[in-house]
PDB file of all heavy atoms in Angstrom:
ATOM      1  N   PHE A   1       0.890  -1.194  -0.004  1.00  0.00           N
ATOM      2  CA  PHE A   1      -0.043   0.011  -0.002  1.00  0.00           C
ATOM      3  C   PHE A   1       0.917   1.228  -0.007  1.00  0.00           C
ATOM      4  O   PHE A   1       1.912   1.311   0.687  1.00  0.00           O
ATOM      5  CB  PHE A   1      -0.927  -0.012   1.209  1.00  0.00           C
ATOM      6  CG  PHE A   1      -1.794  -1.204   1.329  1.00  0.00           C
ATOM      7  CD1 PHE A   1      -1.388  -2.320   2.104  1.00  0.00           C
ATOM      8  CD2 PHE A   1      -2.969  -1.278   0.657  1.00  0.00           C
ATOM      9  CE1 PHE A   1      -2.185  -3.428   2.217  1.00  0.00           C
ATOM     10  CE2 PHE A   1      -3.753  -2.422   0.774  1.00  0.00           C
ATOM     11  CZ  PHE A   1      -3.377  -3.465   1.488  1.00  0.00           C
ATOM     12  N   PRO A   2       0.471   2.262  -0.739  1.00  0.00           N
ATOM     13  CA  PRO A   2       1.363   3.473  -0.870  1.00  0.00           C
ATOM     14  C   PRO A   2       1.586   4.123   0.445  1.00  0.00           C
ATOM     15  O   PRO A   2       2.682   4.638   0.772  1.00  0.00           O
ATOM     16  CB  PRO A   2       0.549   4.367  -1.829  1.00  0.00           C
ATOM     17  CG  PRO A   2      -0.320   3.419  -2.594  1.00  0.00           C
ATOM     18  CD  PRO A   2      -0.643   2.299  -1.679  1.00  0.00           C
ATOM     19  N   TRP A   3       0.572   4.215   1.290  1.00  0.00           N
ATOM     20  CA  TRP A   3       0.689   4.922   2.561  1.00  0.00           C
ATOM     21  C   TRP A   3       1.625   4.179   3.547  1.00  0.00           C
ATOM     22  O   TRP A   3       2.291   4.821   4.333  1.00  0.00           O
ATOM     23  CB  TRP A   3      -0.689   5.065   3.211  1.00  0.00           C
ATOM     24  CG  TRP A   3      -1.604   6.025   2.537  1.00  0.00           C
ATOM     25  CD1 TRP A   3      -2.449   5.790   1.539  1.00  0.00           C
ATOM     26  CD2 TRP A   3      -1.658   7.456   2.767  1.00  0.00           C
ATOM     27  NE1 TRP A   3      -3.095   6.920   1.072  1.00  0.00           N
ATOM     28  CE2 TRP A   3      -2.591   7.948   1.827  1.00  0.00           C
ATOM     29  CE3 TRP A   3      -0.991   8.349   3.582  1.00  0.00           C
ATOM     30  CZ2 TRP A   3      -2.946   9.320   1.765  1.00  0.00           C
ATOM     31  CZ3 TRP A   3      -1.323   9.667   3.516  1.00  0.00           C
ATOM     32  CH2 TRP A   3      -2.239  10.148   2.654  1.00  0.00           C
ATOM     33  N   THR A   4       1.684   2.909   3.455  1.00  0.00           N
ATOM     34  CA  THR A   4       2.498   2.147   4.464  1.00  0.00           C
ATOM     35  C   THR A   4       3.819   1.588   3.809  1.00  0.00           C
ATOM     36  O   THR A   4       4.555   0.896   4.490  1.00  0.00           O
ATOM     37  CB  THR A   4       1.701   0.963   4.984  1.00  0.00           C
ATOM     38  OG1 THR A   4       1.310   0.136   3.855  1.00  0.00           O
ATOM     39  CG2 THR A   4       0.499   1.474   5.801  1.00  0.00           C
ATOM     40  N   ARG A   5       4.025   1.918   2.529  1.00  0.00           N
ATOM     41  CA  ARG A   5       5.196   1.424   1.859  1.00  0.00           C
ATOM     42  C   ARG A   5       6.520   1.806   2.532  1.00  0.00           C
ATOM     43  O   ARG A   5       7.448   0.973   2.754  1.00  0.00           O
ATOM     44  CB  ARG A   5       5.234   1.841   0.354  1.00  0.00           C
ATOM     45  CG  ARG A   5       6.424   1.232  -0.404  1.00  0.00           C
ATOM     46  CD  ARG A   5       6.470   1.867  -1.794  1.00  0.00           C
ATOM     47  NE  ARG A   5       5.256   1.449  -2.492  1.00  0.00           N
ATOM     48  CZ  ARG A   5       5.132   0.323  -3.163  1.00  0.00           C
ATOM     49  NH1 ARG A   5       6.147  -0.535  -3.186  1.00  0.00           N
ATOM     50  NH2 ARG A   5       3.994   0.020  -3.777  1.00  0.00           N
ATOM     51  N   PRO A   6       6.657   3.103   2.991  1.00  0.00           N
ATOM     52  CA  PRO A   6       7.927   3.425   3.705  1.00  0.00           C
ATOM     53  C   PRO A   6       8.197   2.580   4.976  1.00  0.00           C
ATOM     54  O   PRO A   6       9.337   2.162   5.247  1.00  0.00           O
ATOM     55  CB  PRO A   6       7.771   4.915   4.013  1.00  0.00           C
ATOM     56  CG  PRO A   6       6.771   5.384   3.034  1.00  0.00           C
ATOM     57  CD  PRO A   6       5.829   4.211   2.786  1.00  0.00           C
ATOM     58  N   ALA A   7       7.109   2.296   5.734  1.00  0.00           N
ATOM     59  CA  ALA A   7       7.278   1.510   6.968  1.00  0.00           C
ATOM     60  C   ALA A   7       7.691   0.091   6.615  1.00  0.00           C
ATOM     61  O   ALA A   7       8.584  -0.548   7.253  1.00  0.00           O
ATOM     62  CB  ALA A   7       5.990   1.476   7.773  1.00  0.00           C
ATOM     63  N   GLY A   8       7.055  -0.513   5.519  1.00  0.00           N
ATOM     64  CA  GLY A   8       7.455  -1.845   5.076  1.00  0.00           C
ATOM     65  C   GLY A   8       8.872  -1.939   4.618  1.00  0.00           C
ATOM     66  O   GLY A   8       9.601  -2.943   4.925  1.00  0.00           O
ATOM     67  N   GLU A   9       9.294  -0.926   3.804  1.00  0.00           N
ATOM     68  CA  GLU A   9      10.683  -0.929   3.358  1.00  0.00           C
ATOM     69  C   GLU A   9      11.655  -0.727   4.509  1.00  0.00           C
ATOM     70  O   GLU A   9      12.710  -1.341   4.493  1.00  0.00           O
ATOM     71  CB  GLU A   9      10.816   0.196   2.348  1.00  0.00           C
ATOM     72  CG  GLU A   9      10.099  -0.010   1.023  1.00  0.00           C
ATOM     73  CD  GLU A   9      10.220   1.141   0.060  1.00  0.00           C
ATOM     74  OE1 GLU A   9      10.792   2.160   0.483  1.00  0.00           O
ATOM     75  OE2 GLU A   9       9.858   0.978  -1.087  1.00  0.00           O
ATOM     76  N   ALA A  10      11.255   0.053   5.509  1.00  0.00           N
ATOM     77  CA  ALA A  10      12.198   0.207   6.713  1.00  0.00           C
ATOM     78  C   ALA A  10      12.333  -1.101   7.457  1.00  0.00           C
ATOM     79  O   ALA A  10      13.420  -1.442   7.873  1.00  0.00           O
ATOM     80  CB  ALA A  10      11.573   1.354   7.654  1.00  0.00           C
ATOM     81  N   LEU A  11      11.209  -1.839   7.591  1.00  0.00           N
ATOM     82  CA  LEU A  11      11.299  -3.156   8.262  1.00  0.00           C
ATOM     83  C   LEU A  11      12.187  -4.096   7.512  1.00  0.00           C
ATOM     84  O   LEU A  11      13.017  -4.819   8.044  1.00  0.00           O
ATOM     85  CB  LEU A  11       9.919  -3.776   8.451  1.00  0.00           C
ATOM     86  CG  LEU A  11       8.981  -3.114   9.443  1.00  0.00           C
ATOM     87  CD1 LEU A  11       7.608  -3.715   9.479  1.00  0.00           C
ATOM     88  CD2 LEU A  11       9.588  -3.122  10.842  1.00  0.00           C
ATOM     89  N   GLY A  12      12.020  -4.065   6.152  1.00  0.00           N
ATOM     90  CA  GLY A  12      12.883  -4.973   5.364  1.00  0.00           C
ATOM     91  C   GLY A  12      14.351  -4.582   5.411  1.00  0.00           C
ATOM     92  O   GLY A  12      15.233  -5.420   5.483  1.00  0.00           O
ATOM     93  N   ASN A  13      14.632  -3.248   5.302  1.00  0.00           N
ATOM     94  CA  ASN A  13      16.017  -2.802   5.359  1.00  0.00           C
ATOM     95  C   ASN A  13      16.638  -3.143   6.706  1.00  0.00           C
ATOM     96  O   ASN A  13      17.834  -3.541   6.765  1.00  0.00           O
ATOM     97  CB  ASN A  13      16.088  -1.284   5.121  1.00  0.00           C
ATOM     98  CG  ASN A  13      15.685  -0.924   3.660  1.00  0.00           C
ATOM     99  OD1 ASN A  13      15.819  -1.738   2.757  1.00  0.00           O
ATOM    100  ND2 ASN A  13      15.202   0.281   3.471  1.00  0.00           N
ATOM    101  N   TYR A  14      15.861  -2.982   7.758  1.00  0.00           N
ATOM    102  CA  TYR A  14      16.436  -3.302   9.126  1.00  0.00           C
ATOM    103  C   TYR A  14      16.784  -4.785   9.303  1.00  0.00           C
ATOM    104  O   TYR A  14      17.850  -5.112   9.722  1.00  0.00           O
ATOM    105  CB  TYR A  14      15.441  -2.908  10.204  1.00  0.00           C
ATOM    106  CG  TYR A  14      15.931  -3.237  11.577  1.00  0.00           C
ATOM    107  CD1 TYR A  14      16.844  -2.457  12.219  1.00  0.00           C
ATOM    108  CD2 TYR A  14      15.399  -4.315  12.269  1.00  0.00           C
ATOM    109  CE1 TYR A  14      17.289  -2.803  13.511  1.00  0.00           C
ATOM    110  CE2 TYR A  14      15.830  -4.701  13.519  1.00  0.00           C
ATOM    111  CZ  TYR A  14      16.782  -3.878  14.150  1.00  0.00           C
ATOM    112  OH  TYR A  14      17.242  -4.203  15.424  1.00  0.00           O
ATOM    113  N   LEU A  15      15.908  -5.591   8.698  1.00  0.00           N
ATOM    114  CA  LEU A  15      16.137  -7.068   8.815  1.00  0.00           C
ATOM    115  C   LEU A  15      17.408  -7.387   7.956  1.00  0.00           C
ATOM    116  O   LEU A  15      18.265  -8.178   8.313  1.00  0.00           O
ATOM    117  CB  LEU A  15      14.931  -7.825   8.274  1.00  0.00           C
ATOM    118  CG  LEU A  15      15.121  -9.359   8.281  1.00  0.00           C
ATOM    119  CD1 LEU A  15      15.387  -9.868   9.690  1.00  0.00           C
ATOM    120  CD2 LEU A  15      13.845 -10.014   7.664  1.00  0.00           C
ATOM    121  N   GLY A  16      17.471  -6.814   6.782  1.00  0.00           N
ATOM    122  CA  GLY A  16      18.576  -7.040   5.869  1.00  0.00           C
ATOM    123  C   GLY A  16      19.929  -6.569   6.441  1.00  0.00           C
ATOM    124  O   GLY A  16      20.924  -7.295   6.416  1.00  0.00           O
ATOM    125  N   SER A  17      19.870  -5.393   6.998  1.00  0.00           N
ATOM    126  CA  SER A  17      21.145  -4.839   7.610  1.00  0.00           C
ATOM    127  C   SER A  17      21.543  -5.647   8.769  1.00  0.00           C
ATOM    128  O   SER A  17      22.806  -5.884   8.985  1.00  0.00           O
ATOM    129  CB  SER A  17      20.901  -3.383   7.975  1.00  0.00           C
ATOM    130  OG  SER A  17      19.933  -3.235   8.918  1.00  0.00           O
ATOM    131  N   THR A  18      20.629  -6.110   9.515  1.00  0.00           N
ATOM    132  CA  THR A  18      20.952  -6.910  10.733  1.00  0.00           C
ATOM    133  C   THR A  18      21.579  -8.263  10.317  1.00  0.00           C
ATOM    134  O   THR A  18      22.618  -8.678  10.825  1.00  0.00           O
ATOM    135  CB  THR A  18      19.719  -7.191  11.615  1.00  0.00           C
ATOM    136  OG1 THR A  18      19.116  -5.951  12.005  1.00  0.00           O
ATOM    137  CG2 THR A  18      20.037  -8.031  12.789  1.00  0.00           C
ATOM    138  N   VAL A  19      21.011  -8.878   9.286  1.00  0.00           N
ATOM    139  CA  VAL A  19      21.596 -10.170   8.852  1.00  0.00           C
ATOM    140  C   VAL A  19      22.925  -9.972   8.251  1.00  0.00           C
ATOM    141  O   VAL A  19      23.901 -10.709   8.463  1.00  0.00           O
ATOM    142  CB  VAL A  19      20.627 -10.791   7.757  1.00  0.00           C
ATOM    143  CG1 VAL A  19      21.265 -12.010   7.131  1.00  0.00           C
ATOM    144  CG2 VAL A  19      19.274 -11.195   8.495  1.00  0.00           C
ATOM    145  N   LEU A  20      23.092  -8.859   7.454  1.00  0.00           N
ATOM    146  CA  LEU A  20      24.393  -8.573   6.880  1.00  0.00           C
ATOM    147  C   LEU A  20      25.466  -8.291   7.923  1.00  0.00           C
ATOM    148  O   LEU A  20      26.663  -8.653   7.865  1.00  0.00           O
ATOM    149  CB  LEU A  20      24.281  -7.402   5.874  1.00  0.00           C
ATOM    150  CG  LEU A  20      23.537  -7.693   4.550  1.00  0.00           C
ATOM    151  CD1 LEU A  20      23.428  -6.404   3.716  1.00  0.00           C
ATOM    152  CD2 LEU A  20      24.243  -8.800   3.777  1.00  0.00           C
ATOM    153  N   SER A  21      24.999  -7.533   8.981  1.00  0.00           N
ATOM    154  CA  SER A  21      25.953  -7.218  10.084  1.00  0.00           C
ATOM    155  C   SER A  21      26.395  -8.437  10.840  1.00  0.00           C
ATOM    156  O   SER A  21      27.586  -8.612  11.104  1.00  0.00           O
ATOM    157  CB  SER A  21      25.322  -6.219  10.999  1.00  0.00           C
ATOM    158  OG  SER A  21      26.125  -5.945  12.150  1.00  0.00           O
ATOM    159  N   LEU A  22      25.438  -9.323  11.114  1.00  0.00           N
ATOM    160  CA  LEU A  22      25.804 -10.560  11.833  1.00  0.00           C
ATOM    161  C   LEU A  22      26.699 -11.446  10.972  1.00  0.00           C
ATOM    162  O   LEU A  22      27.678 -12.032  11.390  1.00  0.00           O
ATOM    163  CB  LEU A  22      24.532 -11.332  12.186  1.00  0.00           C
ATOM    164  CG  LEU A  22      23.654 -10.715  13.327  1.00  0.00           C
ATOM    165  CD1 LEU A  22      22.429 -11.530  13.522  1.00  0.00           C
ATOM    166  CD2 LEU A  22      24.459 -10.649  14.614  1.00  0.00           C
ATOM    167  N   GLY A  23      26.328 -11.531   9.653  1.00  0.00           N
ATOM    168  CA  GLY A  23      27.202 -12.358   8.755  1.00  0.00           C
ATOM    169  C   GLY A  23      28.603 -11.744   8.632  1.00  0.00           C
ATOM    170  O   GLY A  23      29.607 -12.510   8.675  1.00  0.00           O
ATOM    171  N   GLY A  24      28.700 -10.408   8.536  1.00  0.00           N
ATOM    172  CA  GLY A  24      30.014  -9.792   8.451  1.00  0.00           C
ATOM    173  C   GLY A  24      30.785  -9.992   9.750  1.00  0.00           C
ATOM    174  O   GLY A  24      32.029 -10.304   9.704  1.00  0.00           O
ATOM    175  N   SER A  25      30.134  -9.934  10.856  1.00  0.00           N
ATOM    176  CA  SER A  25      30.786 -10.162  12.158  1.00  0.00           C
ATOM    177  C   SER A  25      31.360 -11.586  12.276  1.00  0.00           C
ATOM    178  O   SER A  25      32.498 -11.814  12.720  1.00  0.00           O
ATOM    179  CB  SER A  25      29.901  -9.908  13.327  1.00  0.00           C
ATOM    180  OG  SER A  25      29.424  -8.529  13.309  1.00  0.00           O
ATOM    181  N   LEU A  26      30.534 -12.514  11.732  1.00  0.00           N
ATOM    182  CA  LEU A  26      30.985 -13.931  11.804  1.00  0.00           C
ATOM    183  C   LEU A  26      32.188 -14.103  10.854  1.00  0.00           C
ATOM    184  O   LEU A  26      33.176 -14.850  11.223  1.00  0.00           O
ATOM    185  CB  LEU A  26      29.825 -14.875  11.415  1.00  0.00           C
ATOM    186  CG  LEU A  26      28.699 -14.982  12.399  1.00  0.00           C
ATOM    187  CD1 LEU A  26      27.594 -15.823  11.878  1.00  0.00           C
ATOM    188  CD2 LEU A  26      29.199 -15.592  13.731  1.00  0.00           C
ATOM    189  N   LEU A  27      32.131 -13.534   9.699  1.00  0.00           N
ATOM    190  CA  LEU A  27      33.189 -13.672   8.733  1.00  0.00           C
ATOM    191  C   LEU A  27      34.537 -13.035   9.260  1.00  0.00           C
ATOM    192  O   LEU A  27      35.593 -13.559   9.066  1.00  0.00           O
ATOM    193  CB  LEU A  27      32.840 -13.040   7.381  1.00  0.00           C
ATOM    194  CG  LEU A  27      31.741 -13.805   6.621  1.00  0.00           C
ATOM    195  CD1 LEU A  27      31.404 -12.977   5.321  1.00  0.00           C
ATOM    196  CD2 LEU A  27      32.179 -15.178   6.243  1.00  0.00           C
ATOM    197  N   ARG A  28      34.341 -11.805   9.940  1.00  0.00           N
ATOM    198  CA  ARG A  28      35.560 -11.248  10.478  1.00  0.00           C
ATOM    199  C   ARG A  28      36.056 -11.969  11.680  1.00  0.00           C
ATOM    200  O   ARG A  28      37.255 -11.854  11.992  1.00  0.00           O
ATOM    201  CB  ARG A  28      35.176  -9.725  10.937  1.00  0.00           C
ATOM    202  CG  ARG A  28      35.022  -8.858   9.797  1.00  0.00           C
ATOM    203  CD  ARG A  28      34.924  -7.404  10.235  1.00  0.00           C
ATOM    204  NE  ARG A  28      33.751  -7.188  11.126  1.00  0.00           N
ATOM    205  CZ  ARG A  28      32.559  -6.853  10.746  1.00  0.00           C
ATOM    206  NH1 ARG A  28      32.330  -6.627   9.428  1.00  0.00           N
ATOM    207  NH2 ARG A  28      31.610  -6.633  11.584  1.00  0.00           N
ATOM    208  N   ALA A  29      35.193 -12.726  12.386  1.00  0.00           N
ATOM    209  CA  ALA A  29      35.678 -13.530  13.610  1.00  0.00           C
ATOM    210  C   ALA A  29      36.347 -14.780  13.225  1.00  0.00           C
ATOM    211  O   ALA A  29      37.102 -15.331  14.076  1.00  0.00           O
ATOM    212  CB  ALA A  29      34.445 -13.840  14.441  1.00  0.00           C
ATOM    213  N   VAL A  30      36.193 -15.290  11.952  1.00  0.00           N
ATOM    214  CA  VAL A  30      36.801 -16.529  11.580  1.00  0.00           C
ATOM    215  C   VAL A  30      38.327 -16.512  11.692  1.00  0.00           C
ATOM    216  O   VAL A  30      38.916 -17.407  12.236  1.00  0.00           O
ATOM    217  CB  VAL A  30      36.369 -16.870  10.135  1.00  0.00           C
ATOM    218  CG1 VAL A  30      37.194 -18.137   9.571  1.00  0.00           C
ATOM    219  CG2 VAL A  30      34.896 -17.292  10.085  1.00  0.00           C
ATOM    220  N   PRO A  31      39.038 -15.476  11.162  1.00  0.00           N
ATOM    221  CA  PRO A  31      40.486 -15.495  11.337  1.00  0.00           C
ATOM    222  C   PRO A  31      40.873 -15.431  12.836  1.00  0.00           C
ATOM    223  O   PRO A  31      41.897 -16.057  13.264  1.00  0.00           O
ATOM    224  CB  PRO A  31      40.938 -14.225  10.609  1.00  0.00           C
ATOM    225  CG  PRO A  31      39.862 -13.908   9.681  1.00  0.00           C
ATOM    226  CD  PRO A  31      38.605 -14.341  10.302  1.00  0.00           C
ATOM    227  N   ARG A  32      40.123 -14.681  13.622  1.00  0.00           N
ATOM    228  CA  ARG A  32      40.437 -14.612  15.047  1.00  0.00           C
ATOM    229  C   ARG A  32      40.239 -15.974  15.733  1.00  0.00           C
ATOM    230  O   ARG A  32      41.089 -16.413  16.550  1.00  0.00           O
ATOM    231  CB  ARG A  32      39.591 -13.534  15.763  1.00  0.00           C
ATOM    232  CG  ARG A  32      39.903 -12.125  15.351  1.00  0.00           C
ATOM    233  CD  ARG A  32      39.173 -11.158  16.250  1.00  0.00           C
ATOM    234  NE  ARG A  32      39.616  -9.844  16.069  1.00  0.00           N
ATOM    235  CZ  ARG A  32      39.315  -8.789  16.884  1.00  0.00           C
ATOM    236  NH1 ARG A  32      38.517  -9.048  17.940  1.00  0.00           N
ATOM    237  NH2 ARG A  32      39.767  -7.602  16.657  1.00  0.00           N
ATOM    238  N   LEU A  33      39.179 -16.643  15.437  1.00  0.00           N
ATOM    239  CA  LEU A  33      38.878 -17.917  16.013  1.00  0.00           C
ATOM    240  C   LEU A  33      39.969 -18.931  15.561  1.00  0.00           C
ATOM    241  O   LEU A  33      40.369 -19.783  16.357  1.00  0.00           O
ATOM    242  CB  LEU A  33      37.518 -18.408  15.580  1.00  0.00           C
ATOM    243  CG  LEU A  33      36.328 -17.611  16.119  1.00  0.00           C
ATOM    244  CD1 LEU A  33      35.035 -18.157  15.618  1.00  0.00           C
ATOM    245  CD2 LEU A  33      36.351 -17.616  17.673  1.00  0.00           C
ATOM    246  N   PHE A  34      40.433 -18.832  14.320  1.00  0.00           N
ATOM    247  CA  PHE A  34      41.510 -19.706  13.862  1.00  0.00           C
ATOM    248  C   PHE A  34      42.782 -19.405  14.575  1.00  0.00           C
ATOM    249  O   PHE A  34      43.555 -20.383  14.947  1.00  0.00           O
ATOM    250  CB  PHE A  34      41.692 -19.508  12.314  1.00  0.00           C
ATOM    251  CG  PHE A  34      42.789 -20.385  11.775  1.00  0.00           C
ATOM    252  CD1 PHE A  34      42.614 -21.770  11.605  1.00  0.00           C
ATOM    253  CD2 PHE A  34      44.069 -19.840  11.512  1.00  0.00           C
ATOM    254  CE1 PHE A  34      43.627 -22.565  11.158  1.00  0.00           C
ATOM    255  CE2 PHE A  34      45.051 -20.593  11.014  1.00  0.00           C
ATOM    256  CZ  PHE A  34      44.847 -22.003  10.823  1.00  0.00           C
ATOM    257  N   THR A  35      43.070 -18.169  14.896  1.00  0.00           N
ATOM    258  CA  THR A  35      44.274 -17.793  15.673  1.00  0.00           C
ATOM    259  C   THR A  35      44.135 -18.367  17.086  1.00  0.00           C
ATOM    260  O   THR A  35      45.187 -18.939  17.596  1.00  0.00           O
ATOM    261  CB  THR A  35      44.460 -16.310  15.698  1.00  0.00           C
ATOM    262  OG1 THR A  35      44.438 -15.773  14.349  1.00  0.00           O
ATOM    263  CG2 THR A  35      45.683 -15.869  16.430  1.00  0.00           C
TER     264      THR A  35
END
C-alpha cells in the first residue's frame, strides 16, 4: 500500500542490515577464531 510502503521498506532494510551485520561479524571473527 502506498501509505505504508515506507514502513514496510524500513522493516525490510532493518532485517537485511541486521543479517548482513551478523554475517560480516561472523566472517571477521573466523580469522580470530582460527588464531
